[in-house]
Each structure stands twice: as structure tokens, then as C-alpha cells.
Amino acid sequence: MTRALLWFGVVSGFLFCALCSYYSLLDWGELRRAYAVFSVSQDGDLKTVFVAEARQNIHRINLFADVVWALLSAILAVVSAVGLAILRRLDEKK
């Protein structure tokens, strides 16, 4: 039962890390586009600047959240893999 749970942690951790990394790359592209619009709108009226800045901040927060979830998933996968290695060593000693 323990091994199955650890294998589930490894597989799901790596899959979710890959998924979050994919979405972080998409958000990175959107952030770059939003920042380009924000840079161009610096000479515009105040409402345009505020809307462009808000849109940029939304993508910045989304990118941060995606990367944090990717790192947490990678930590889950690595900790589960270490648990499997420890169980293997304990079985070899018996």
C-alpha cells in the first residue's frame, strides 16, 4: 500500500509539474504581450494606463501561481521518489 501511494506521488507530481510548466509558458507569453501594451500606453490617458497595468498584473500573478504549483509538484515527486528509494534500501537489508 505504501509503495502504491509513493508511486502515485511520483507520477502525479511529475505530470502536474509538466502541466503547470506548460501553462506558465503560456502565461509568460501573455505577460510579455501585456507588458508591451503597457509600455506603449505610457503616453496615453490615465484610464488606458490603469487598464494596461491591471492586465499586466493579472498575468504576472497567474505566472507566479503557475510556477509555485510546478515547484510544489516537483517537490512532491522528489519526496515520493526518495521514499521509494528508502523502502528499497530497507528491503535489501532484510
PDB file of N, CA and C in Angstrom:
ATOM      1  N   MET A   1       0.814  -1.198   0.000  1.00  0.00           N
ATOM      2  CA  MET A   1       0.000   0.000   0.000  1.00  0.00           C
ATOM      3  C   MET A   1       0.858   1.263   0.000  1.00  0.00           C
ATOM      4  N   THR A   2       1.935   1.219   0.791  1.00  0.00           N
ATOM      5  CA  THR A   2       2.815   2.387   0.871  1.00  0.00           C
ATOM      6  C   THR A   2       3.508   2.640  -0.460  1.00  0.00           C
ATOM      7  N   ARG A   3       3.957   1.566  -1.090  1.00  0.00           N
ATOM      8  CA  ARG A   3       4.635   1.730  -2.388  1.00  0.00           C
ATOM      9  C   ARG A   3       3.684   2.308  -3.438  1.00  0.00           C
ATOM     10  N   ALA A   4       2.450   1.848  -3.434  1.00  0.00           N
ATOM     11  CA  ALA A   4       1.481   2.352  -4.411  1.00  0.00           C
ATOM     12  C   ALA A   4       1.233   3.842  -4.190  1.00  0.00           C
ATOM     13  N   LEU A   5       1.149   4.240  -2.944  1.00  0.00           N
ATOM     14  CA  LEU A   5       0.942   5.655  -2.645  1.00  0.00           C
ATOM     15  C   LEU A   5       2.153   6.488  -3.065  1.00  0.00           C
ATOM     16  N   LEU A   6       3.341   5.955  -2.825  1.00  0.00           N
ATOM     17  CA  LEU A   6       4.552   6.684  -3.234  1.00  0.00           C
ATOM     18  C   LEU A   6       4.669   6.753  -4.755  1.00  0.00           C
ATOM     19  N   TRP A   7       4.331   5.665  -5.455  1.00  0.00           N
ATOM     20  CA  TRP A   7       4.355   5.712  -6.915  1.00  0.00           C
ATOM     21  C   TRP A   7       3.328   6.707  -7.450  1.00  0.00           C
ATOM     22  N   PHE A   8       2.169   6.754  -6.796  1.00  0.00           N
ATOM     23  CA  PHE A   8       1.167   7.740  -7.189  1.00  0.00           C
ATOM     24  C   PHE A   8       1.711   9.159  -6.993  1.00  0.00           C
ATOM     25  N   GLY A   9       2.451   9.384  -5.913  1.00  0.00           N
ATOM     26  CA  GLY A   9       3.053  10.698  -5.667  1.00  0.00           C
ATOM     27  C   GLY A   9       4.073  11.065  -6.729  1.00  0.00           C
ATOM     28  N   VAL A  10       4.875  10.088  -7.141  1.00  0.00           N
ATOM     29  CA  VAL A  10       5.893  10.354  -8.163  1.00  0.00           C
ATOM     30  C   VAL A  10       5.236  10.683  -9.500  1.00  0.00           C
ATOM     31  N   VAL A  11       4.318   9.831  -9.923  1.00  0.00           N
ATOM     32  CA  VAL A  11       3.695  10.011 -11.245  1.00  0.00           C
ATOM     33  C   VAL A  11       2.844  11.282 -11.285  1.00  0.00           C
ATOM     34  N   SER A  12       2.002  11.458 -10.271  1.00  0.00           N
ATOM     35  CA  SER A  12       1.144  12.638 -10.287  1.00  0.00           C
ATOM     36  C   SER A  12       1.955  13.919 -10.112  1.00  0.00           C
ATOM     37  N   GLY A  13       3.022  13.860  -9.336  1.00  0.00           N
ATOM     38  CA  GLY A  13       3.873  15.035  -9.164  1.00  0.00           C
ATOM     39  C   GLY A  13       4.523  15.467 -10.468  1.00  0.00           C
ATOM     40  N   PHE A  14       5.079  14.498 -11.202  1.00  0.00           N
ATOM     41  CA  PHE A  14       5.718  14.843 -12.470  1.00  0.00           C
ATOM     42  C   PHE A  14       4.699  15.307 -13.513  1.00  0.00           C
ATOM     43  N   LEU A  15       3.542  14.655 -13.559  1.00  0.00           N
ATOM     44  CA  LEU A  15       2.525  15.073 -14.531  1.00  0.00           C
ATOM     45  C   LEU A  15       2.006  16.478 -14.232  1.00  0.00           C
ATOM     46  N   PHE A  16       1.716  16.740 -12.976  1.00  0.00           N
ATOM     47  CA  PHE A  16       1.199  18.059 -12.619  1.00  0.00           C
ATOM     48  C   PHE A  16       2.271  19.132 -12.788  1.00  0.00           C
ATOM     49  N   CYS A  17       3.531  18.773 -12.536  1.00  0.00           N
ATOM     50  CA  CYS A  17       4.632  19.719 -12.760  1.00  0.00           C
ATOM     51  C   CYS A  17       4.731  20.075 -14.247  1.00  0.00           C
ATOM     52  N   ALA A  18       4.605  19.069 -15.099  1.00  0.00           N
ATOM     53  CA  ALA A  18       4.646  19.321 -16.544  1.00  0.00           C
ATOM     54  C   ALA A  18       3.462  20.183 -16.989  1.00  0.00           C
ATOM     55  N   LEU A  19       2.288  19.900 -16.452  1.00  0.00           N
ATOM     56  CA  LEU A  19       1.101  20.671 -16.803  1.00  0.00           C
ATOM     57  C   LEU A  19       1.235  22.127 -16.362  1.00  0.00           C
ATOM     58  N   CYS A  20       1.695  22.345 -15.146  1.00  0.00           N
ATOM     59  CA  CYS A  20       1.859  23.715 -14.648  1.00  0.00           C
ATOM     60  C   CYS A  20       2.968  24.450 -15.403  1.00  0.00           C
ATOM     61  N   SER A  21       4.006  23.726 -15.788  1.00  0.00           N
ATOM     62  CA  SER A  21       5.074  24.355 -16.571  1.00  0.00           C
ATOM     63  C   SER A  21       4.556  24.794 -17.936  1.00  0.00           C
ATOM     64  N   TYR A  22       3.713  23.978 -18.538  1.00  0.00           N
ATOM     65  CA  TYR A  22       3.121  24.339 -19.823  1.00  0.00           C
ATOM     66  C   TYR A  22       2.295  25.619 -19.698  1.00  0.00           C
ATOM     67  N   TYR A  23       1.453  25.680 -18.673  1.00  0.00           N
ATOM     68  CA  TYR A  23       0.618  26.866 -18.501  1.00  0.00           C
ATOM     69  C   TYR A  23       1.434  28.084 -18.086  1.00  0.00           C
ATOM     70  N   SER A  24       2.539  27.870 -17.397  1.00  0.00           N
ATOM     71  CA  SER A  24       3.387  29.020 -17.060  1.00  0.00           C
ATOM     72  C   SER A  24       4.047  29.588 -18.317  1.00  0.00           C
ATOM     73  N   LEU A  25       4.388  28.728 -19.270  1.00  0.00           N
ATOM     74  CA  LEU A  25       4.931  29.236 -20.539  1.00  0.00           C
ATOM     75  C   LEU A  25       3.875  30.031 -21.310  1.00  0.00           C
ATOM     76  N   LEU A  26       2.623  29.566 -21.275  1.00  0.00           N
ATOM     77  CA  LEU A  26       1.554  30.329 -21.922  1.00  0.00           C
ATOM     78  C   LEU A  26       1.361  31.680 -21.237  1.00  0.00           C
ATOM     79  N   ASP A  27       1.366  31.680 -19.902  1.00  0.00           N
ATOM     80  CA  ASP A  27       1.204  32.940 -19.169  1.00  0.00           C
ATOM     81  C   ASP A  27       2.398  33.865 -19.371  1.00  0.00           C
ATOM     82  N   TRP A  28       3.581  33.297 -19.573  1.00  0.00           N
ATOM     83  CA  TRP A  28       4.757  34.122 -19.829  1.00  0.00           C
ATOM     84  C   TRP A  28       4.591  34.897 -21.134  1.00  0.00           C
ATOM     85  N   GLY A  29       4.075  34.224 -22.161  1.00  0.00           N
ATOM     86  CA  GLY A  29       3.827  34.903 -23.429  1.00  0.00           C
ATOM     87  C   GLY A  29       2.769  35.985 -23.299  1.00  0.00           C
ATOM     88  N   GLU A  30       1.714  35.701 -22.557  1.00  0.00           N
ATOM     89  CA  GLU A  30       0.675  36.704 -22.330  1.00  0.00           C
ATOM     90  C   GLU A  30       1.200  37.883 -21.515  1.00  0.00           C
ATOM     91  N   LEU A  31       2.062  37.608 -20.556  1.00  0.00           N
ATOM     92  CA  LEU A  31       2.652  38.691 -19.766  1.00  0.00           C
ATOM     93  C   LEU A  31       3.521  39.584 -20.635  1.00  0.00           C
ATOM     94  N   ARG A  32       4.278  38.982 -21.533  1.00  0.00           N
ATOM     95  CA  ARG A  32       5.119  39.786 -22.427  1.00  0.00           C
ATOM     96  C   ARG A  32       4.268  40.678 -23.327  1.00  0.00           C
ATOM     97  N   ARG A  33       3.157  40.125 -23.830  1.00  0.00           N
ATOM     98  CA  ARG A  33       2.270  40.932 -24.668  1.00  0.00           C
ATOM     99  C   ARG A  33       1.617  42.055 -23.851  1.00  0.00           C
ATOM    100  N   ALA A  34       1.187  41.728 -22.640  1.00  0.00           N
ATOM    101  CA  ALA A  34       0.550  42.742 -21.794  1.00  0.00           C
ATOM    102  C   ALA A  34       1.545  43.828 -21.403  1.00  0.00           C
ATOM    103  N   TYR A  35       2.798  43.433 -21.171  1.00  0.00           N
ATOM    104  CA  TYR A  35       3.807  44.439 -20.827  1.00  0.00           C
ATOM    105  C   TYR A  35       4.126  45.335 -22.019  1.00  0.00           C
ATOM    106  N   ALA A  36       4.104  44.757 -23.221  1.00  0.00           N
ATOM    107  CA  ALA A  36       4.335  45.576 -24.416  1.00  0.00           C
ATOM    108  C   ALA A  36       3.218  46.607 -24.580  1.00  0.00           C
ATOM    109  N   VAL A  37       1.979  46.192 -24.347  1.00  0.00           N
ATOM    110  CA  VAL A  37       0.856  47.136 -24.420  1.00  0.00           C
ATOM    111  C   VAL A  37       0.992  48.191 -23.330  1.00  0.00           C
ATOM    112  N   PHE A  38       1.391  47.773 -22.143  1.00  0.00           N
ATOM    113  CA  PHE A  38       1.570  48.717 -21.040  1.00  0.00           C
ATOM    114  C   PHE A  38       2.680  49.720 -21.357  1.00  0.00           C
ATOM    115  N   SER A  39       3.763  49.276 -21.958  1.00  0.00           N
ATOM    116  CA  SER A  39       4.861  50.178 -22.299  1.00  0.00           C
ATOM    117  C   SER A  39       4.445  51.202 -23.347  1.00  0.00           C
ATOM    118  N   VAL A  40       3.652  50.765 -24.305  1.00  0.00           N
ATOM    119  CA  VAL A  40       3.207  51.667 -25.366  1.00  0.00           C
ATOM    120  C   VAL A  40       2.192  52.670 -24.816  1.00  0.00           C
ATOM    121  N   SER A  41       1.376  52.245 -23.859  1.00  0.00           N
ATOM    122  CA  SER A  41       0.306  53.116 -23.369  1.00  0.00           C
ATOM    123  C   SER A  41       0.774  54.121 -22.324  1.00  0.00           C
ATOM    124  N   GLN A  42       2.052  54.221 -22.056  1.00  0.00           N
ATOM    125  CA  GLN A  42       2.555  55.161 -21.058  1.00  0.00           C
ATOM    126  C   GLN A  42       2.255  56.612 -21.436  1.00  0.00           C
ATOM    127  N   ASP A  43       2.145  56.882 -22.713  1.00  0.00           N
ATOM    128  CA  ASP A  43       1.874  58.248 -23.159  1.00  0.00           C
ATOM    129  C   ASP A  43       0.391  58.530 -23.326  1.00  0.00           C
ATOM    130  N   GLY A  44      -0.474  57.521 -23.063  1.00  0.00           N
ATOM    131  CA  GLY A  44      -1.911  57.687 -23.250  1.00  0.00           C
ATOM    132  C   GLY A  44      -2.576  58.328 -22.041  1.00  0.00           C
ATOM    133  N   ASP A  45      -3.902  58.318 -22.069  1.00  0.00           N
ATOM    134  CA  ASP A  45      -4.636  58.881 -20.937  1.00  0.00           C
ATOM    135  C   ASP A  45      -4.549  57.943 -19.727  1.00  0.00           C
ATOM    136  N   LEU A  46      -4.967  58.438 -18.592  1.00  0.00           N
ATOM    137  CA  LEU A  46      -4.790  57.733 -17.330  1.00  0.00           C
ATOM    138  C   LEU A  46      -5.592  56.436 -17.277  1.00  0.00           C
ATOM    139  N   LYS A  47      -6.781  56.418 -17.833  1.00  0.00           N
ATOM    140  CA  LYS A  47      -7.607  55.209 -17.812  1.00  0.00           C
ATOM    141  C   LYS A  47      -6.950  54.084 -18.603  1.00  0.00           C
ATOM    142  N   THR A  48      -6.385  54.398 -19.747  1.00  0.00           N
ATOM    143  CA  THR A  48      -5.712  53.396 -20.569  1.00  0.00           C
ATOM    144  C   THR A  48      -4.511  52.814 -19.846  1.00  0.00           C
ATOM    145  N   VAL A  49      -3.760  53.669 -19.170  1.00  0.00           N
ATOM    146  CA  VAL A  49      -2.588  53.202 -18.422  1.00  0.00           C
ATOM    147  C   VAL A  49      -3.013  52.276 -17.289  1.00  0.00           C
ATOM    148  N   PHE A  50      -4.078  52.638 -16.561  1.00  0.00           N
ATOM    149  CA  PHE A  50      -4.533  51.806 -15.449  1.00  0.00           C
ATOM    150  C   PHE A  50      -5.039  50.442 -15.928  1.00  0.00           C
ATOM    151  N   VAL A  51      -5.764  50.425 -17.027  1.00  0.00           N
ATOM    152  CA  VAL A  51      -6.268  49.161 -17.563  1.00  0.00           C
ATOM    153  C   VAL A  51      -5.108  48.290 -18.036  1.00  0.00           C
ATOM    154  N   ALA A  52      -4.146  48.876 -18.716  1.00  0.00           N
ATOM    155  CA  ALA A  52      -2.987  48.113 -19.192  1.00  0.00           C
ATOM    156  C   ALA A  52      -2.162  47.585 -18.024  1.00  0.00           C
ATOM    157  N   GLU A  53      -2.016  48.391 -16.972  1.00  0.00           N
ATOM    158  CA  GLU A  53      -1.265  47.933 -15.808  1.00  0.00           C
ATOM    159  C   GLU A  53      -1.999  46.807 -15.077  1.00  0.00           C
ATOM    160  N   ALA A  54      -3.316  46.919 -14.960  1.00  0.00           N
ATOM    161  CA  ALA A  54      -4.096  45.871 -14.306  1.00  0.00           C
ATOM    162  C   ALA A  54      -4.015  44.565 -15.084  1.00  0.00           C
ATOM    163  N   ARG A  55      -4.095  44.653 -16.395  1.00  0.00           N
ATOM    164  CA  ARG A  55      -3.996  43.446 -17.225  1.00  0.00           C
ATOM    165  C   ARG A  55      -2.620  42.806 -17.077  1.00  0.00           C
ATOM    166  N   GLN A  56      -1.597  43.618 -17.021  1.00  0.00           N
ATOM    167  CA  GLN A  56      -0.238  43.100 -16.840  1.00  0.00           C
ATOM    168  C   GLN A  56      -0.096  42.431 -15.470  1.00  0.00           C
ATOM    169  N   ASN A  57      -0.650  43.048 -14.443  1.00  0.00           N
ATOM    170  CA  ASN A  57      -0.545  42.475 -13.100  1.00  0.00           C
ATOM    171  C   ASN A  57      -1.307  41.160 -12.983  1.00  0.00           C
ATOM    172  N   ILE A  58      -2.424  41.039 -13.692  1.00  0.00           N
ATOM    173  CA  ILE A  58      -3.167  39.775 -13.686  1.00  0.00           C
ATOM    174  C   ILE A  58      -2.297  38.656 -14.235  1.00  0.00           C
ATOM    175  N   HIS A  59      -1.632  38.887 -15.349  1.00  0.00           N
ATOM    176  CA  HIS A  59      -0.777  37.854 -15.935  1.00  0.00           C
ATOM    177  C   HIS A  59       0.448  37.590 -15.064  1.00  0.00           C
ATOM    178  N   ARG A  60       0.945  38.601 -14.396  1.00  0.00           N
ATOM    179  CA  ARG A  60       2.093  38.423 -13.504  1.00  0.00           C
ATOM    180  C   ARG A  60       1.724  37.508 -12.329  1.00  0.00           C
ATOM    181  N   ILE A  61       0.548  37.709 -11.754  1.00  0.00           N
ATOM    182  CA  ILE A  61       0.095  36.877 -10.639  1.00  0.00           C
ATOM    183  C   ILE A  61      -0.181  35.448 -11.110  1.00  0.00           C
ATOM    184  N   ASN A  62      -0.789  35.306 -12.289  1.00  0.00           N
ATOM    185  CA  ASN A  62      -1.038  33.966 -12.826  1.00  0.00           C
ATOM    186  C   ASN A  62       0.265  33.218 -13.069  1.00  0.00           C
ATOM    187  N   LEU A  63       1.252  33.890 -13.598  1.00  0.00           N
ATOM    188  CA  LEU A  63       2.545  33.255 -13.835  1.00  0.00           C
ATOM    189  C   LEU A  63       3.184  32.822 -12.522  1.00  0.00           C
ATOM    190  N   PHE A  64       3.114  33.666 -11.516  1.00  0.00           N
ATOM    191  CA  PHE A  64       3.663  33.325 -10.208  1.00  0.00           C
ATOM    192  C   PHE A  64       2.973  32.083  -9.636  1.00  0.00           C
ATOM    193  N   ALA A  65       1.653  32.039  -9.723  1.00  0.00           N
ATOM    194  CA  ALA A  65       0.912  30.895  -9.187  1.00  0.00           C
ATOM    195  C   ALA A  65       1.241  29.611  -9.944  1.00  0.00           C
ATOM    196  N   ASP A  66       1.352  29.688 -11.265  1.00  0.00           N
ATOM    197  CA  ASP A  66       1.685  28.501 -12.049  1.00  0.00           C
ATOM    198  C   ASP A  66       3.060  27.957 -11.685  1.00  0.00           C
ATOM    199  N   VAL A  67       4.017  28.840 -11.506  1.00  0.00           N
ATOM    200  CA  VAL A  67       5.373  28.397 -11.173  1.00  0.00           C
ATOM    201  C   VAL A  67       5.420  27.820  -9.758  1.00  0.00           C
ATOM    202  N   VAL A  68       4.687  28.407  -8.839  1.00  0.00           N
ATOM    203  CA  VAL A  68       4.654  27.864  -7.476  1.00  0.00           C
ATOM    204  C   VAL A  68       4.050  26.466  -7.475  1.00  0.00           C
ATOM    205  N   TRP A  69       2.960  26.261  -8.204  1.00  0.00           N
ATOM    206  CA  TRP A  69       2.365  24.929  -8.270  1.00  0.00           C
ATOM    207  C   TRP A  69       3.309  23.939  -8.944  1.00  0.00           C
ATOM    208  N   ALA A  70       4.039  24.382  -9.959  1.00  0.00           N
ATOM    209  CA  ALA A  70       5.003  23.489 -10.608  1.00  0.00           C
ATOM    210  C   ALA A  70       6.101  23.082  -9.625  1.00  0.00           C
ATOM    211  N   LEU A  71       6.594  24.027  -8.844  1.00  0.00           N
ATOM    212  CA  LEU A  71       7.628  23.692  -7.864  1.00  0.00           C
ATOM    213  C   LEU A  71       7.096  22.772  -6.773  1.00  0.00           C
ATOM    214  N   LEU A  72       5.890  23.022  -6.289  1.00  0.00           N
ATOM    215  CA  LEU A  72       5.312  22.144  -5.270  1.00  0.00           C
ATOM    216  C   LEU A  72       5.097  20.724  -5.811  1.00  0.00           C
ATOM    217  N   SER A  73       4.697  20.618  -7.054  1.00  0.00           N
ATOM    218  CA  SER A  73       4.517  19.300  -7.664  1.00  0.00           C
ATOM    219  C   SER A  73       5.845  18.578  -7.820  1.00  0.00           C
ATOM    220  N   ALA A  74       6.878  19.315  -8.194  1.00  0.00           N
ATOM    221  CA  ALA A  74       8.200  18.710  -8.309  1.00  0.00           C
ATOM    222  C   ALA A  74       8.707  18.243  -6.946  1.00  0.00           C
ATOM    223  N   ILE A  75       8.431  19.006  -5.916  1.00  0.00           N
ATOM    224  CA  ILE A  75       8.830  18.603  -4.560  1.00  0.00           C
ATOM    225  C   ILE A  75       8.093  17.330  -4.159  1.00  0.00           C
ATOM    226  N   LEU A  76       6.796  17.240  -4.466  1.00  0.00           N
ATOM    227  CA  LEU A  76       6.035  16.027  -4.173  1.00  0.00           C
ATOM    228  C   LEU A  76       6.636  14.822  -4.883  1.00  0.00           C
ATOM    229  N   ALA A  77       6.984  14.981  -6.146  1.00  0.00           N
ATOM    230  CA  ALA A  77       7.551  13.872  -6.915  1.00  0.00           C
ATOM    231  C   ALA A  77       8.899  13.447  -6.346  1.00  0.00           C
ATOM    232  N   VAL A  78       9.729  14.392  -5.994  1.00  0.00           N
ATOM    233  CA  VAL A  78      11.061  14.064  -5.484  1.00  0.00           C
ATOM    234  C   VAL A  78      10.974  13.415  -4.108  1.00  0.00           C
ATOM    235  N   VAL A  79      10.118  13.935  -3.246  1.00  0.00           N
ATOM    236  CA  VAL A  79       9.977  13.346  -1.910  1.00  0.00           C
ATOM    237  C   VAL A  79       9.428  11.926  -2.024  1.00  0.00           C
ATOM    238  N   SER A  80       8.492  11.696  -2.910  1.00  0.00           N
ATOM    239  CA  SER A  80       7.962  10.347  -3.113  1.00  0.00           C
ATOM    240  C   SER A  80       9.029   9.417  -3.674  1.00  0.00           C
ATOM    241  N   ALA A  81       9.854   9.906  -4.582  1.00  0.00           N
ATOM    242  CA  ALA A  81      10.936   9.084  -5.130  1.00  0.00           C
ATOM    243  C   ALA A  81      11.963   8.734  -4.056  1.00  0.00           C
ATOM    244  N   VAL A  82      12.240   9.676  -3.187  1.00  0.00           N
ATOM    245  CA  VAL A  82      13.166   9.392  -2.080  1.00  0.00           C
ATOM    246  C   VAL A  82      12.553   8.354  -1.144  1.00  0.00           C
ATOM    247  N   GLY A  83      11.266   8.447  -0.908  1.00  0.00           N
ATOM    248  CA  GLY A  83      10.593   7.440  -0.095  1.00  0.00           C
ATOM    249  C   GLY A  83      10.687   6.061  -0.705  1.00  0.00           C
ATOM    250  N   LEU A  84      10.532   5.968  -2.016  1.00  0.00           N
ATOM    251  CA  LEU A  84      10.693   4.680  -2.691  1.00  0.00           C
ATOM    252  C   LEU A  84      12.117   4.156  -2.567  1.00  0.00           C
ATOM    253  N   ALA A  85      13.091   5.036  -2.673  1.00  0.00           N
ATOM    254  CA  ALA A  85      14.488   4.616  -2.532  1.00  0.00           C
ATOM    255  C   ALA A  85      14.773   4.123  -1.118  1.00  0.00           C
ATOM    256  N   ILE A  86      14.204   4.781  -0.138  1.00  0.00           N
ATOM    257  CA  ILE A  86      14.398   4.350   1.252  1.00  0.00           C
ATOM    258  C   ILE A  86      13.755   2.982   1.476  1.00  0.00           C
ATOM    259  N   LEU A  87      12.566   2.779   0.940  1.00  0.00           N
ATOM    260  CA  LEU A  87      11.923   1.467   1.079  1.00  0.00           C
ATOM    261  C   LEU A  87      12.726   0.379   0.399  1.00  0.00           C
ATOM    262  N   ARG A  88      13.314   0.668  -0.746  1.00  0.00           N
ATOM    263  CA  ARG A  88      14.137  -0.314  -1.439  1.00  0.00           C
ATOM    264  C   ARG A  88      15.353  -0.684  -0.603  1.00  0.00           C
ATOM    265  N   ARG A  89      15.999   0.318  -0.011  1.00  0.00           N
ATOM    266  CA  ARG A  89      17.158   0.041   0.845  1.00  0.00           C
ATOM    267  C   ARG A  89      16.765  -0.795   2.051  1.00  0.00           C
ATOM    268  N   LEU A  90      15.629  -0.495   2.641  1.00  0.00           N
ATOM    269  CA  LEU A  90      15.171  -1.267   3.798  1.00  0.00           C
ATOM    270  C   LEU A  90      14.859  -2.711   3.418  1.00  0.00           C
ATOM    271  N   ASP A  91      14.324  -2.928   2.219  1.00  0.00           N
ATOM    272  CA  ASP A  91      14.052  -4.297   1.753  1.00  0.00           C
ATOM    273  C   ASP A  91      15.351  -5.061   1.475  1.00  0.00           C
ATOM    274  N   GLU A  92      16.386  -4.373   1.005  1.00  0.00           N
ATOM    275  CA  GLU A  92      17.664  -5.027   0.737  1.00  0.00           C
ATOM    276  C   GLU A  92      18.349  -5.465   2.019  1.00  0.00           C
ATOM    277  N   LYS A  93      18.141  -4.751   3.099  1.00  0.00           N
ATOM    278  CA  LYS A  93      18.778  -5.073   4.376  1.00  0.00           C
ATOM    279  C   LYS A  93      18.144  -6.293   5.037  1.00  0.00           C
ATOM    280  N   LYS A  94      16.906  -6.612   4.668  1.00  0.00           N
ATOM    281  CA  LYS A  94      16.218  -7.742   5.300  1.00  0.00           C
ATOM    282  C   LYS A  94      16.736  -9.071   4.851  1.00  0.00           C
TER     283      LYS A  94
END
